Protein backbone atom coordinates (compact mmCIF):
# COMPACT_ATOMS: atom_id res chain seq x y z
CA MET A 1 129.94 66.74 84.34
CA SER A 2 128.62 70.12 82.91
CA ASP A 3 127.22 70.70 79.78
CA LEU A 4 129.33 72.06 77.53
CA ASN A 5 126.38 73.33 75.42
CA GLU A 6 125.18 75.73 78.11
CA GLY A 7 125.57 79.51 77.83
CA PRO A 8 126.45 81.83 80.62
CA MET A 9 124.11 82.44 83.41
CA ARG A 10 121.75 85.24 83.13
CA GLU A 11 121.85 87.87 85.64
CA LYS A 12 118.71 87.86 87.97
CA ARG A 13 116.56 90.67 87.08
CA SER A 14 115.68 93.24 89.78
CA PHE A 15 113.72 96.12 90.80
CA ILE A 16 116.32 98.22 92.76
CA MET A 17 119.42 96.94 90.70
CA ALA A 18 118.77 97.43 86.70
CA ARG A 19 121.00 96.11 84.59
CA ASP A 20 123.81 98.21 83.22
CA PRO A 21 122.41 100.40 80.62
CA SER A 22 125.54 100.26 78.78
CA VAL A 23 124.96 96.28 78.28
CA ASP A 24 123.15 96.38 74.62
CA ARG A 25 121.78 92.78 73.76
CA ARG A 26 120.51 93.96 70.76
CA PHE A 27 123.41 95.38 69.08
CA ARG A 28 121.16 98.79 68.13
CA PRO A 29 122.87 101.90 66.81
CA ARG A 30 124.34 103.98 68.40
CA PRO A 31 125.67 107.84 67.68
CA HIS A 32 129.26 107.81 67.45
CA LYS A 33 129.56 111.69 68.05
CA GLN A 34 130.64 112.29 71.25
CA LEU A 35 129.54 115.60 73.28
CA ARG A 36 131.08 117.24 75.94
CA LEU A 37 128.27 118.29 78.33
CA PHE A 38 130.22 120.47 80.77
CA ASP A 39 131.79 122.75 78.28
CA ASP A 40 129.14 125.59 79.23
CA ILE A 41 130.03 125.02 82.84
CA HIS A 42 132.63 127.98 84.53
CA GLU A 43 134.76 127.47 87.09
CA SER A 44 133.63 129.57 90.31
CA THR A 45 135.82 131.90 91.09
CA GLU A 46 137.77 131.76 94.85
CA SER A 47 137.18 133.62 97.93
CA THR A 48 139.59 135.90 99.40
CA ASP A 49 140.65 133.34 102.21
CA GLY A 50 141.70 130.90 99.43
CA SER A 51 138.75 128.70 99.74
CA ASP A 52 136.32 127.79 97.00
CA THR A 53 133.07 128.73 98.78
CA GLU A 54 130.66 127.40 95.71
CA SER A 55 132.65 124.06 95.22
CA GLU A 56 132.88 123.48 99.13
CA TYR A 57 128.83 123.87 99.27
CA ALA A 58 128.51 121.46 96.24
CA SER A 59 131.06 118.32 98.24
CA ASN A 60 128.78 119.12 101.28
CA ALA A 61 125.62 119.05 100.17
CA GLY A 62 123.61 115.47 99.96
CA ASP A 63 122.83 113.94 97.00
CA ASP A 64 118.66 114.53 97.03
CA ALA A 65 119.09 118.39 97.94
CA THR A 66 118.50 120.76 96.14
CA SER A 67 120.51 123.98 95.32
CA VAL A 68 118.97 126.75 97.38
CA ASP A 69 120.04 129.38 94.85
CA ASP A 70 119.31 127.88 91.58
CA SER A 71 115.51 129.22 91.74
CA ARG A 72 114.74 128.24 88.27
CA GLU A 73 115.55 123.97 88.98
CA VAL A 74 113.60 124.58 91.96
CA ASP A 75 110.74 125.65 89.84
CA THR A 76 110.55 123.46 87.01
CA GLY A 77 112.45 120.23 88.68
CA PRO A 78 111.52 118.13 91.67
CA GLN A 79 110.74 119.82 94.71
CA VAL A 80 111.72 118.51 97.93
CA PHE A 81 110.23 119.53 101.28
CA LEU A 82 111.54 118.89 104.66
CA ARG A 83 109.21 118.65 107.57
CA LEU A 84 110.74 118.39 110.89
CA ARG A 85 108.93 116.32 114.13
CA PRO A 86 107.83 118.40 116.74
CA VAL A 87 110.73 117.77 119.56
CA SER A 88 109.99 118.80 123.50
CA VAL A 89 113.99 120.14 123.76
CA ALA A 90 115.27 122.10 120.79
CA SER A 91 118.05 120.43 118.90
CA THR A 92 121.47 121.62 118.80
CA GLY A 93 122.72 119.39 115.86
CA TYR A 94 121.40 121.71 113.10
CA SER A 95 120.00 124.91 112.20
CA LEU A 96 118.37 126.80 109.08
CA SER A 97 119.08 129.20 107.02
CA ASP A 98 117.92 133.16 107.10
CA ASP A 99 115.74 132.32 104.18
CA GLY A 100 114.83 129.31 105.41
CA LYS A 101 115.39 126.79 102.75
CA CYS A 102 118.55 125.09 103.82
CA LEU A 103 119.45 122.67 106.72
CA ILE A 104 123.02 123.40 108.16
CA THR A 105 124.10 120.30 110.41
CA SER A 106 127.42 119.94 112.38
CA ALA A 107 129.79 116.76 113.04
CA LYS A 108 132.97 115.91 114.40
CA ASN A 109 135.74 115.76 112.02
CA GLU A 110 136.80 112.33 112.12
CA ASN A 111 140.38 113.68 111.11
CA SER A 112 141.03 115.47 114.01
CA SER A 113 141.04 114.41 117.93
CA ASN A 114 139.63 118.19 118.75
CA ASN A 115 136.11 118.55 119.54
CA VAL A 116 135.99 122.13 118.49
CA ASN A 117 136.99 121.30 114.79
CA ARG A 118 133.63 120.12 113.43
CA MET A 119 132.40 119.94 109.64
CA GLU A 120 129.17 121.84 108.47
CA LYS A 121 127.10 119.96 105.80
CA HIS A 122 124.69 122.23 104.15
CA PHE A 123 121.32 120.81 102.65
CA GLY A 124 119.08 122.42 100.33
CA PHE A 125 115.34 122.14 99.99
CA THR A 126 112.34 123.59 98.64
CA SER A 127 110.96 124.44 101.93
CA ILE A 128 111.47 123.70 105.38
CA PHE A 129 108.81 122.81 107.87
CA ASP A 130 109.29 122.88 111.40
CA GLY A 131 107.30 121.37 114.31
CA SER A 132 104.69 123.84 114.63
CA VAL A 133 103.64 123.53 110.89
CA GLY A 134 100.17 121.88 110.65
CA GLN A 135 98.72 119.23 107.97
CA ARG A 136 96.74 122.18 106.60
CA ASP A 137 99.74 124.25 105.34
CA ILE A 138 101.82 121.03 104.26
CA TYR A 139 98.66 120.29 102.01
CA ASP A 140 98.40 123.71 100.65
CA ILE A 141 102.01 124.31 100.02
CA CYS A 142 103.06 120.88 98.79
CA VAL A 143 100.13 119.20 97.17
CA GLY A 144 97.01 121.22 96.67
CA PRO A 145 98.80 123.25 93.59
CA ARG A 146 100.13 120.18 91.96
CA ILE A 147 96.77 118.90 91.89
CA LEU A 148 95.33 121.99 90.24
CA GLU A 149 98.09 122.35 87.72
CA GLU A 150 99.73 119.27 86.71
CA GLU A 151 98.02 115.97 85.30
CA CYS A 152 100.35 113.70 86.75
CA VAL A 153 101.39 113.89 90.16
CA THR A 154 103.64 111.88 92.56
CA ILE A 155 103.98 112.23 96.06
CA MET A 156 106.43 110.31 98.04
CA THR A 157 107.23 110.46 101.87
CA TYR A 158 111.12 109.32 102.44
CA GLY A 159 112.42 108.84 106.11
CA THR A 160 113.48 106.81 108.98
CA SER A 161 111.04 104.88 110.73
CA GLY A 162 108.95 106.38 113.06
CA SER A 163 109.92 109.50 111.67
CA GLY A 164 106.27 110.59 110.39
CA LYS A 165 106.03 109.21 107.20
CA THR A 166 102.40 107.85 107.24
CA TYR A 167 101.32 110.42 109.39
CA THR A 168 101.83 113.16 107.32
CA LEU A 169 99.92 111.36 104.23
CA LEU A 170 96.89 109.74 106.50
CA GLY A 171 96.90 111.90 109.48
CA ASP A 172 95.57 110.14 112.51
CA GLN A 173 91.36 110.03 113.93
CA VAL A 174 91.38 113.69 114.38
CA ARG A 175 93.82 115.32 111.76
CA ALA A 176 93.77 114.57 108.24
CA GLY A 177 96.92 113.75 106.43
CA VAL A 178 97.71 114.54 102.95
CA ILE A 179 95.72 111.50 101.00
CA PRO A 180 92.22 112.13 102.79
CA ARG A 181 92.39 115.82 101.74
CA GLY A 182 93.56 115.34 98.29
CA LEU A 183 90.66 112.75 97.67
CA GLU A 184 88.28 115.43 98.89
CA HIS A 185 89.83 117.70 97.05
CA ILE A 186 89.60 115.88 93.87
CA PHE A 187 86.08 114.67 94.47
CA THR A 188 84.74 118.34 94.97
CA THR A 189 86.82 119.43 91.81
CA TYR A 190 85.08 117.22 89.52
CA LEU A 191 81.62 117.09 91.29
CA GLY A 192 79.35 118.21 89.01
CA ASN A 193 80.88 115.65 86.03
CA LEU A 194 81.04 112.29 87.90
CA TYR A 195 79.78 109.63 85.98
CA SER A 196 77.80 107.12 88.27
CA THR A 197 78.76 103.97 85.78
CA PRO A 198 82.28 102.57 84.78
CA LYS A 199 82.16 103.14 81.04
CA LEU A 200 86.09 104.11 80.60
CA LYS A 201 88.86 101.70 82.26
CA LEU A 202 92.57 102.14 82.22
CA ILE A 203 93.85 98.66 80.65
CA ASN A 204 97.46 98.03 80.14
CA GLY A 205 98.24 101.93 80.13
CA CYS A 206 95.60 102.64 77.28
CA ILE A 207 92.12 104.09 78.23
CA VAL A 208 89.82 101.94 76.70
CA PHE A 209 85.55 101.68 76.64
CA LEU A 210 83.58 99.12 78.38
CA GLN A 211 80.84 97.40 76.91
CA ASP A 212 77.75 97.08 78.87
CA ASP A 213 78.56 93.28 80.22
CA ALA A 214 82.19 94.83 81.39
CA THR A 215 80.50 97.34 83.36
CA LEU A 216 78.41 95.34 85.11
CA ARG A 217 81.04 93.10 86.07
CA GLU A 218 83.34 96.13 86.93
CA MET A 219 80.29 97.13 89.24
CA GLN A 220 80.19 93.90 90.95
CA ILE A 221 84.01 93.72 91.82
CA SER A 222 83.67 97.13 93.31
CA MET A 223 80.90 96.51 95.75
CA LYS A 224 82.18 93.41 96.31
CA LEU A 225 85.55 94.95 97.75
CA LEU A 226 83.76 97.74 99.87
CA ASN A 227 81.59 95.25 101.45
CA LEU A 228 85.11 93.68 102.83
CA CYS A 229 86.15 97.42 104.05
CA PRO A 230 85.92 98.44 107.38
CA ASP A 231 82.79 100.86 108.29
CA ILE A 232 84.11 104.36 108.52
CA ASN A 233 81.62 106.73 108.29
CA ALA A 234 81.71 108.26 111.56
CA GLN A 235 85.35 108.73 110.93
CA HIS A 236 85.23 110.10 107.39
CA GLU A 237 82.77 112.52 108.24
CA ARG A 238 84.66 114.14 111.10
CA LEU A 239 87.79 114.27 108.94
CA ARG A 240 85.81 115.95 106.32
CA GLN A 241 84.02 118.52 108.39
CA GLU A 242 87.91 119.53 109.54
CA ILE A 243 88.84 119.35 105.46
CA LYS A 244 86.22 121.51 104.57
CA SER A 245 86.92 124.03 107.42
CA ASP A 246 90.75 124.46 106.56
CA HIS A 247 90.47 124.66 102.67
CA THR A 248 87.76 125.59 100.19
CA PHE A 249 87.99 123.87 97.02
CA GLU A 250 85.81 125.04 94.25
CA THR A 251 83.79 122.78 91.82
CA LYS A 252 84.57 123.31 88.39
CA THR A 253 81.33 122.02 86.44
CA GLU A 254 82.62 121.42 82.52
CA PRO A 255 79.75 120.88 80.11
CA ASP A 256 79.70 117.89 77.82
CA LEU A 257 82.66 116.34 79.90
CA SER A 258 82.19 113.02 81.76
CA VAL A 259 84.47 111.66 84.91
CA MET A 260 85.46 108.56 86.05
CA ILE A 261 87.58 107.89 88.98
CA TRP A 262 89.52 104.68 89.64
CA VAL A 263 91.78 103.68 92.50
CA SER A 264 94.63 100.96 92.78
CA PHE A 265 97.11 100.24 95.71
CA VAL A 266 100.18 97.91 95.39
CA GLU A 267 103.01 97.11 97.35
CA ILE A 268 106.84 96.63 96.55
CA TYR A 269 108.16 93.79 99.35
CA ASN A 270 111.73 92.10 98.63
CA GLU A 271 111.59 93.71 95.18
CA LEU A 272 108.52 91.87 94.16
CA VAL A 273 105.18 93.98 93.53
CA TYR A 274 101.67 92.49 95.38
CA ASP A 275 98.16 93.70 94.72
CA LEU A 276 96.32 95.15 97.83
CA LEU A 277 93.27 95.02 96.66
CA SER A 278 92.44 91.99 94.76
CA ILE A 279 89.66 89.68 95.43
CA PRO A 280 90.58 87.53 98.43
CA PRO A 281 92.96 84.84 97.07
CA ARG A 282 92.81 81.03 97.94
CA GLN A 283 94.33 79.72 101.12
CA ASP A 284 96.23 76.80 101.07
CA ASN A 285 95.70 73.32 103.53
CA LEU A 286 97.43 75.61 106.51
CA GLY A 287 94.96 78.53 106.17
CA ALA A 288 98.11 80.66 104.58
CA VAL A 289 96.86 82.93 102.23
CA GLN A 290 98.89 83.02 99.31
CA ARG A 291 99.99 85.85 97.12
CA LYS A 292 100.90 86.12 93.61
CA PRO A 293 103.47 88.90 92.52
CA LEU A 294 102.68 90.78 89.30
CA LYS A 295 104.97 91.73 86.74
CA ILE A 296 105.74 95.33 85.33
CA ALA A 297 105.16 95.64 81.74
CA CYS A 298 105.37 98.54 79.07
CA ASN A 299 102.92 98.82 76.15
CA LYS A 300 103.47 101.99 73.73
CA GLY A 301 105.88 103.58 76.19
CA GLN A 302 103.12 103.47 78.81
CA VAL A 303 104.81 101.66 81.88
CA PHE A 304 102.04 99.22 83.93
CA ILE A 305 101.29 96.87 86.60
CA LYS A 306 100.16 93.33 84.28
CA GLY A 307 96.72 92.09 85.80
CA LEU A 308 96.59 95.22 88.82
CA THR A 309 93.33 95.27 90.49
CA THR A 310 91.91 99.27 89.62
CA VAL A 311 88.52 99.59 91.53
CA PHE A 312 85.84 102.16 90.46
CA VAL A 313 84.93 104.76 93.06
CA LYS A 314 82.03 107.20 93.19
CA SER A 315 82.83 109.21 96.42
CA SER A 316 85.97 109.95 98.42
CA GLU A 317 84.95 107.77 100.95
CA GLU A 318 84.74 104.79 98.73
CA ALA A 319 88.13 105.63 97.83
CA LEU A 320 89.37 106.07 101.82
CA ARG A 321 87.78 102.70 102.50
CA LEU A 322 89.70 100.82 99.81
CA LEU A 323 92.72 102.79 101.28
CA ARG A 324 92.12 101.21 104.84
CA LEU A 325 91.42 97.49 103.53
CA GLY A 326 95.12 97.66 101.56
CA GLN A 327 96.74 99.24 104.51
CA GLN A 328 95.13 95.63 106.55
CA ARG A 329 96.96 93.70 103.71
CA SER A 330 100.36 95.29 103.45
CA THR A 331 103.32 93.59 105.48
CA TYR A 332 104.25 95.11 108.79
CA ALA A 333 106.96 93.95 111.31
CA SER A 334 108.53 94.97 114.47
CA THR A 335 112.03 95.90 114.12
CA SER A 336 115.07 97.03 116.21
CA VAL A 337 113.60 100.82 115.39
CA ASN A 338 109.47 101.01 115.33
CA SER A 339 107.83 97.70 116.58
CA ASN A 340 104.93 98.21 114.24
CA SER A 341 107.29 99.17 111.04
CA SER A 342 105.92 99.29 107.10
CA ARG A 343 108.48 96.73 105.52
CA SER A 344 107.47 97.57 101.97
CA HIS A 345 106.89 100.52 99.56
CA CYS A 346 103.12 101.15 99.17
CA VAL A 347 101.81 103.40 96.02
CA PHE A 348 97.90 104.35 96.24
CA THR A 349 97.05 105.55 92.83
CA VAL A 350 94.32 107.91 91.63
CA ASP A 351 93.49 107.84 88.08
CA VAL A 352 91.06 110.34 86.94
CA LEU A 353 89.38 109.86 83.37
CA LYS A 354 88.00 112.24 81.24
CA TYR A 355 85.50 111.78 78.00
CA SER A 356 84.32 114.54 76.40
CA ARG A 357 81.41 114.74 73.95
CA SER A 358 83.65 115.32 71.08
CA GLY A 359 85.18 111.99 71.79
CA MET A 360 88.21 113.15 73.22
CA THR A 361 89.89 111.21 76.27
CA THR A 362 92.14 112.58 78.63
CA GLN A 363 94.06 110.84 81.70
CA CYS A 364 95.36 112.49 85.36
CA SER A 365 97.26 110.42 87.79
CA TYR A 366 97.85 111.12 90.88
CA LYS A 367 100.12 108.88 92.91
CA PHE A 368 100.78 108.65 96.76
CA CYS A 369 103.44 107.01 98.02
CA ASP A 370 104.57 105.85 101.64
CA LEU A 371 108.60 104.42 101.37
CA ALA A 372 109.70 101.96 103.66
CA GLY A 373 111.94 103.22 106.30
CA SER A 374 115.45 104.75 104.89
CA GLU A 375 117.56 103.42 108.12
CA ARG A 376 120.24 100.69 107.45
CA VAL A 377 119.67 97.42 108.08
CA ASN A 378 122.04 96.93 110.92
CA ASN A 379 120.06 99.35 112.90
CA THR A 380 116.73 98.07 112.47
CA GLY A 381 118.11 93.97 112.93
CA THR A 382 116.09 92.99 110.06
């Protein structure tokens, strides 16, 4: 028999499927006045052939696409760039608009048996890059201006498995990707103000001053993790020379300013958050590594991951070595689409903490996200 005192089962929390925001368990007060949000939107005029061209474009555009005609929204809102992979034979499945910001695809109309009757879809982007655009131009257009102008930047790569997401972020042995160029850019910018010891740290979303014993402990953690990292000295020097030949990063020395840089690396796998830079955990009797998921918390409006390992770094090489270490710990598997596919979302974060002699502390955060393949599950066989 079931217990009559038991209440209804609470729904399981999920990072992907959040609770309906309309359900307020605390019964907080709400405004009773209702506003009409779409009164200022005017209907578009019909064209001469009787079809509404603007509404047709809106219905055919993708959910993640940005209107190519609204330049104000492109400048102030999230920017979406499309990079096309190099192909040996030109594809006839799509074409680009004259301004190079709209991708036009054609597909067979399901309601018609005639192959000639095809339906066009328009997808607008901030910019579209074909296969001839290299890593240097991708960084100069998409990432470099954001690092110089904005204090909090999030760069995400989205696409199917094997489409080049990881290559765009990391590059290969010869061509540096977005993250190595971004690290070199950040450390070159603050080269004259880098502080040698970690006296500031971001804890639970807030900047705190570390005592001498805590500073020593953080330096020991950094040295311990760097000793576990693979040796990439020769590779890093080649990439550094390539980056210097492609870009001219300026060093901005500010008097009375101290800068400390920390990095962290997490993955989201099966809706659970795991630390990729933690001290090696204990192993069970079978030799398997036991990973403990972390919790997402909030402190004074700042969202953070409780217990996440952040490592103090003094150079771009140390940051890149920690990135390689985290990659070795991330989850990969073979699928029907890719033999070595990343099955998790990976987020590499660079936190720049600044302290001025006047006592003011500021923070700049740069997040580089390598999302898992976006293809359907029935295509991957997972």
